[in-house]
Amino acid sequence: MKRLTAGISLLVPVAAGAVRWLDLVNFCDLTTGFVLLGPVWARYLCMAMVLSLGVLASFLAARRPSGLVRRSMSLGLLCLLAGGAFAALAGVQLAALLGGAEADVLETAQTVLYLLTALWLLLLGISRVAGSTVAPSGSAWTGILGTFAFYLLTVRRFCFNPSGIVRIVPTVQVFSALSALVLLQGAVKAFYLPHLPVGRGLFFRGYLAFFFCTCLEAPQAVCLYLGGQYTLAQLAEGLALGVIGLIGLRCAALTVGEEQPEQQEQPEAAEEEPTR
């Protein structure tokens, strides 16, 4: 019953994404990001209602889900796909730089950090596809470094893009980058320390990333690219974030199920020596 309820709750972001696509195509100015019909607060109210449902649905997740310590071929394949997507994104950005496009230090740093993200996701994907349920590297720093790209992406989108609460398009971009960062931070903790009570938090992080990255950011990137407002690199970035959202969806699904068995305390290695 919990799985069915959680599955229904995860369909709501899909429906909201479809409504957002229709709104974007018909009632928004793709050049400026301003809405052309209806109040802007209605869009944010819709987002808030979807997120509120995610908070409620997170209580369906196990506190220590057994899914985190089991093999997941689907999660592994999604991580491989995401790793390939970010490697391709770094390649597109590098090609643009070599082609004479104007670039600054932050854009170059973003490209390098995307390669670190790709490395982390590929390692995680290989370990899960191979059937391993342990951390994909000896140190958690591999995963931590893989999240740095999203710190920089969030800052760049928030500080350097013209945005405002009345412009939905750049606002979605900021929330999408932040959601990807929040998800991968939680994923690093969950995959390196799966016995901690991380289930409910990971469910909401996955729900959040699926909503903003897959259901809002990726379709928006396609729409803006087709409308001539996005470059190929921006389209690749939006689609790569969309794959991160699919990882969030799978992580959320893994948290709904049985609890991990209680770990029994190990007996003492040796008894105290008797006094003479």
Protein backbone atom coordinates (compact mmCIF):
# COMPACT_ATOMS: atom_id res chain seq x y z
CA MET A 1 0.00 0.00 0.00
CA LYS A 2 2.85 2.37 0.82
CA ARG A 3 4.51 1.71 -2.54
CA LEU A 4 1.27 2.41 -4.39
CA THR A 5 0.66 5.64 -2.48
CA ALA A 6 4.23 6.79 -3.01
CA GLY A 7 3.98 5.94 -6.70
CA ILE A 8 0.84 8.03 -7.06
CA SER A 9 2.53 10.94 -5.27
CA LEU A 10 5.44 10.75 -7.73
CA LEU A 11 3.01 11.09 -10.64
CA VAL A 12 1.95 14.54 -9.41
CA PRO A 13 5.23 16.25 -10.47
CA VAL A 14 4.79 14.69 -13.92
CA ALA A 15 1.32 16.23 -14.22
CA ALA A 16 2.63 19.56 -12.94
CA GLY A 17 5.43 19.41 -15.50
CA ALA A 18 2.93 18.85 -18.31
CA VAL A 19 0.89 21.84 -17.15
CA ARG A 20 4.08 23.92 -16.96
CA TRP A 21 4.97 22.95 -20.55
CA LEU A 22 1.57 24.15 -21.78
CA ASP A 23 1.95 27.34 -19.76
CA LEU A 24 5.47 27.91 -21.09
CA VAL A 25 4.50 27.39 -24.73
CA ASN A 26 1.26 29.36 -24.69
CA PHE A 27 1.33 31.92 -21.88
CA CYS A 28 5.00 32.91 -21.36
CA ASP A 29 7.42 35.15 -23.22
CA LEU A 30 10.41 32.90 -23.92
CA THR A 31 12.68 35.88 -24.50
CA THR A 32 12.14 37.59 -21.15
CA GLY A 33 10.64 34.83 -19.00
CA PHE A 34 7.63 36.94 -18.02
CA VAL A 35 4.15 35.42 -17.94
CA LEU A 36 1.66 36.78 -20.46
CA LEU A 37 -1.60 35.58 -18.92
CA GLY A 38 -2.75 35.13 -15.36
CA PRO A 39 -1.08 36.00 -12.06
CA VAL A 40 2.50 34.88 -11.48
CA TRP A 41 1.67 33.84 -7.91
CA ALA A 42 -0.59 31.06 -9.24
CA ARG A 43 2.48 29.36 -10.73
CA TYR A 44 4.34 29.50 -7.44
CA LEU A 45 1.28 28.28 -5.57
CA CYS A 46 1.21 25.22 -7.83
CA MET A 47 4.88 24.55 -7.09
CA ALA A 48 4.28 24.94 -3.36
CA MET A 49 1.39 22.47 -3.44
CA VAL A 50 3.54 19.88 -5.25
CA LEU A 51 6.34 20.32 -2.73
CA SER A 52 3.89 20.07 0.18
CA LEU A 53 2.73 16.74 -1.18
CA GLY A 54 6.37 15.65 -1.33
CA VAL A 55 6.83 16.48 2.33
CA LEU A 56 3.78 14.41 3.26
CA ALA A 57 4.80 11.52 1.00
CA SER A 58 8.26 11.40 2.58
CA PHE A 59 6.66 9.92 5.71
CA LEU A 60 5.92 6.81 3.67
CA ALA A 61 9.65 6.12 3.38
CA ALA A 62 11.48 3.83 5.78
CA ARG A 63 13.92 5.53 8.11
CA ARG A 64 16.63 2.98 7.27
CA PRO A 65 15.43 1.56 3.94
CA SER A 66 16.71 -1.84 2.95
CA GLY A 67 16.79 -0.69 -0.67
CA LEU A 68 19.99 1.24 0.02
CA VAL A 69 21.88 -1.95 0.87
CA ARG A 70 20.56 -4.01 -2.04
CA ARG A 71 21.63 -4.21 -5.64
CA SER A 72 19.79 -1.79 -7.96
CA MET A 73 20.52 -2.28 -11.65
CA SER A 74 18.17 0.56 -12.62
CA LEU A 75 19.95 3.02 -10.32
CA GLY A 76 23.30 1.92 -11.72
CA LEU A 77 22.17 2.43 -15.31
CA LEU A 78 20.76 5.87 -14.51
CA CYS A 79 24.04 6.87 -12.85
CA LEU A 80 25.96 5.68 -15.92
CA LEU A 81 23.60 7.67 -18.14
CA ALA A 82 24.04 10.77 -15.98
CA GLY A 83 27.81 10.35 -15.91
CA GLY A 84 27.85 10.12 -19.70
CA ALA A 85 25.55 13.15 -19.95
CA PHE A 86 27.82 15.33 -17.83
CA ALA A 87 30.92 14.11 -19.65
CA ALA A 88 29.20 15.04 -22.92
CA LEU A 89 28.17 18.40 -21.45
CA ALA A 90 31.77 19.13 -20.47
CA GLY A 91 32.81 18.17 -24.00
CA VAL A 92 30.27 20.53 -25.58
CA GLN A 93 31.38 23.37 -23.32
CA LEU A 94 35.04 22.64 -24.04
CA ALA A 95 34.36 22.61 -27.78
CA ALA A 96 32.64 25.98 -27.47
CA LEU A 97 35.66 27.37 -25.62
CA LEU A 98 38.07 26.02 -28.22
CA GLY A 99 35.86 27.40 -30.96
CA GLY A 100 36.50 30.94 -29.81
CA ALA A 101 33.47 31.54 -27.62
CA GLU A 102 33.94 34.11 -24.88
CA ALA A 103 34.59 32.47 -21.54
CA ASP A 104 35.56 33.52 -18.06
CA VAL A 105 37.19 31.74 -15.19
CA LEU A 106 33.87 30.56 -13.76
CA GLU A 107 32.78 28.93 -17.01
CA THR A 108 36.11 27.12 -17.30
CA ALA A 109 35.87 26.00 -13.68
CA GLN A 110 32.31 24.80 -14.30
CA THR A 111 33.52 22.59 -17.15
CA VAL A 112 36.23 21.02 -14.98
CA LEU A 113 33.78 20.43 -12.13
CA TYR A 114 31.33 18.74 -14.50
CA LEU A 115 34.07 16.24 -15.32
CA LEU A 116 34.41 15.47 -11.60
CA THR A 117 30.64 15.00 -11.41
CA ALA A 118 30.79 12.64 -14.38
CA LEU A 119 33.59 10.64 -12.72
CA TRP A 120 31.62 10.24 -9.48
CA LEU A 121 28.43 9.20 -11.24
CA LEU A 122 30.26 6.72 -13.48
CA LEU A 123 31.97 5.12 -10.48
CA LEU A 124 28.66 4.89 -8.65
CA GLY A 125 26.94 3.46 -11.70
CA ILE A 126 29.63 0.83 -12.30
CA SER A 127 29.50 -0.32 -8.68
CA ARG A 128 25.70 -0.66 -8.72
CA VAL A 129 25.57 -2.42 -12.08
CA ALA A 130 28.26 -4.82 -10.89
CA GLY A 131 26.09 -5.72 -7.92
CA SER A 132 28.13 -3.96 -5.24
CA THR A 133 26.22 -2.18 -2.49
CA VAL A 134 29.23 -0.56 -0.86
CA ALA A 135 30.61 2.91 -1.55
CA PRO A 136 32.11 3.16 -5.04
CA SER A 137 35.41 4.60 -3.81
CA GLY A 138 37.52 4.38 -0.68
CA SER A 139 36.96 7.99 0.27
CA ALA A 140 33.79 10.06 0.42
CA TRP A 141 35.75 12.95 -1.06
CA THR A 142 35.11 11.52 -4.52
CA GLY A 143 31.39 12.04 -4.02
CA ILE A 144 31.83 15.39 -2.29
CA LEU A 145 33.94 16.72 -5.15
CA GLY A 146 31.24 15.50 -7.51
CA THR A 147 28.77 17.94 -5.92
CA PHE A 148 30.94 21.03 -6.29
CA ALA A 149 29.70 21.69 -9.83
CA PHE A 150 26.20 22.33 -8.48
CA TYR A 151 27.41 24.78 -5.85
CA LEU A 152 28.94 26.85 -8.62
CA LEU A 153 25.98 26.35 -10.95
CA THR A 154 23.54 27.58 -8.30
CA VAL A 155 25.66 30.66 -7.60
CA ARG A 156 26.08 31.43 -11.29
CA ARG A 157 22.38 31.08 -12.04
CA PHE A 158 21.33 33.12 -9.02
CA CYS A 159 23.91 35.90 -9.17
CA PHE A 160 24.81 36.31 -12.83
CA ASN A 161 21.54 35.63 -14.68
CA PRO A 162 18.89 38.37 -14.75
CA SER A 163 16.19 36.94 -12.53
CA GLY A 164 13.33 37.96 -10.33
CA ILE A 165 10.26 36.47 -8.75
CA VAL A 166 8.11 37.62 -11.68
CA ARG A 167 10.31 35.78 -14.20
CA ILE A 168 9.51 32.07 -13.93
CA VAL A 169 12.12 30.74 -16.37
CA PRO A 170 15.29 31.86 -14.49
CA THR A 171 13.64 31.04 -11.17
CA VAL A 172 13.12 27.44 -12.27
CA GLN A 173 16.78 27.33 -13.35
CA VAL A 174 17.94 28.36 -9.88
CA PHE A 175 15.63 25.89 -8.11
CA SER A 176 16.73 23.12 -10.46
CA ALA A 177 20.43 23.63 -9.76
CA LEU A 178 19.76 23.83 -6.03
CA SER A 179 17.64 20.65 -6.13
CA ALA A 180 20.40 18.72 -7.91
CA LEU A 181 22.88 19.90 -5.28
CA VAL A 182 20.60 18.89 -2.40
CA LEU A 183 19.98 15.45 -3.94
CA LEU A 184 23.63 14.61 -4.56
CA GLN A 185 24.60 15.78 -1.08
CA GLY A 186 22.03 13.39 0.37
CA ALA A 187 23.06 10.63 -2.02
CA VAL A 188 26.70 10.81 -0.91
CA LYS A 189 25.62 10.43 2.71
CA ALA A 190 23.16 7.64 1.91
CA PHE A 191 25.58 5.58 -0.19
CA TYR A 192 28.52 5.91 2.18
CA LEU A 193 26.50 5.60 5.39
CA PRO A 194 23.43 3.56 4.36
CA HIS A 195 22.69 2.38 7.91
CA LEU A 196 21.89 5.87 9.15
CA PRO A 197 18.23 7.03 9.25
CA VAL A 198 18.40 8.85 5.92
CA GLY A 199 15.33 7.37 4.20
CA ARG A 200 12.78 10.13 4.61
CA GLY A 201 15.25 12.89 3.84
CA LEU A 202 16.46 11.07 0.73
CA PHE A 203 12.88 10.56 -0.46
CA PHE A 204 12.15 14.28 -0.31
CA ARG A 205 15.48 15.19 -1.92
CA GLY A 206 14.76 12.78 -4.74
CA TYR A 207 11.19 14.06 -5.11
CA LEU A 208 12.48 17.64 -5.19
CA ALA A 209 15.10 16.91 -7.86
CA PHE A 210 12.65 14.91 -9.96
CA PHE A 211 10.15 17.77 -9.90
CA PHE A 212 12.49 20.66 -10.66
CA CYS A 213 15.16 18.95 -12.77
CA THR A 214 13.20 16.40 -14.80
CA CYS A 215 9.67 17.76 -14.90
CA LEU A 216 10.47 21.49 -15.13
CA GLU A 217 14.09 22.15 -16.16
CA ALA A 218 14.53 19.57 -18.94
CA PRO A 219 11.28 20.42 -20.83
CA GLN A 220 12.02 24.12 -20.37
CA ALA A 221 15.49 23.67 -21.86
CA VAL A 222 14.02 21.89 -24.91
CA CYS A 223 11.39 24.59 -25.34
CA LEU A 224 13.92 27.44 -25.13
CA TYR A 225 16.31 25.67 -27.49
CA LEU A 226 13.59 25.15 -30.07
CA GLY A 227 12.60 28.80 -29.62
CA GLY A 228 16.15 29.95 -30.36
CA GLN A 229 16.84 31.18 -26.81
CA TYR A 230 19.26 28.42 -25.74
CA THR A 231 22.59 27.32 -27.11
CA LEU A 232 23.49 23.64 -27.55
CA ALA A 233 25.54 23.76 -24.34
CA GLN A 234 22.57 25.14 -22.39
CA LEU A 235 20.32 22.44 -23.82
CA ALA A 236 22.84 19.75 -22.85
CA GLU A 237 23.02 21.21 -19.34
CA GLY A 238 19.26 21.14 -18.95
CA LEU A 239 19.00 17.55 -20.19
CA ALA A 240 21.86 16.42 -17.93
CA LEU A 241 20.02 17.92 -14.96
CA GLY A 242 16.93 16.07 -16.13
CA VAL A 243 18.81 12.77 -15.78
CA ILE A 244 19.84 13.80 -12.24
CA GLY A 245 16.14 14.16 -11.52
CA LEU A 246 15.58 10.58 -12.72
CA ILE A 247 18.23 9.44 -10.25
CA GLY A 248 16.25 11.31 -7.61
CA LEU A 249 13.10 9.46 -8.65
CA ARG A 250 14.84 6.10 -8.31
CA CYS A 251 16.36 7.06 -4.95
CA ALA A 252 12.92 8.06 -3.69
CA ALA A 253 11.50 4.73 -4.83
CA LEU A 254 14.30 2.80 -3.08
CA THR A 255 13.44 4.38 0.25
CA VAL A 256 9.87 3.06 0.24
CA GLY A 257 9.85 -0.48 1.54
CA GLU A 258 11.16 -2.56 4.37
CA GLU A 259 13.40 -1.34 7.14
CA GLN A 260 16.90 -2.71 7.42
CA PRO A 261 17.22 -5.45 10.03
CA GLU A 262 18.45 -4.28 13.39
CA GLN A 263 22.19 -4.67 13.73
CA GLN A 264 23.06 -6.89 16.64
CA GLU A 265 25.84 -5.81 18.93
CA GLN A 266 28.99 -7.80 18.40
CA PRO A 267 30.25 -9.78 21.40
CA GLU A 268 33.40 -8.58 23.06
CA ALA A 269 36.52 -9.82 21.33
CA ALA A 270 38.13 -11.02 24.48
CA GLU A 271 37.29 -11.36 28.13
CA GLU A 272 39.27 -9.70 30.82
CA GLU A 273 42.11 -11.79 32.16
CA PRO A 274 41.53 -13.13 35.69
CA THR A 275 43.55 -11.51 38.40
CA ARG A 276 46.34 -13.55 39.92
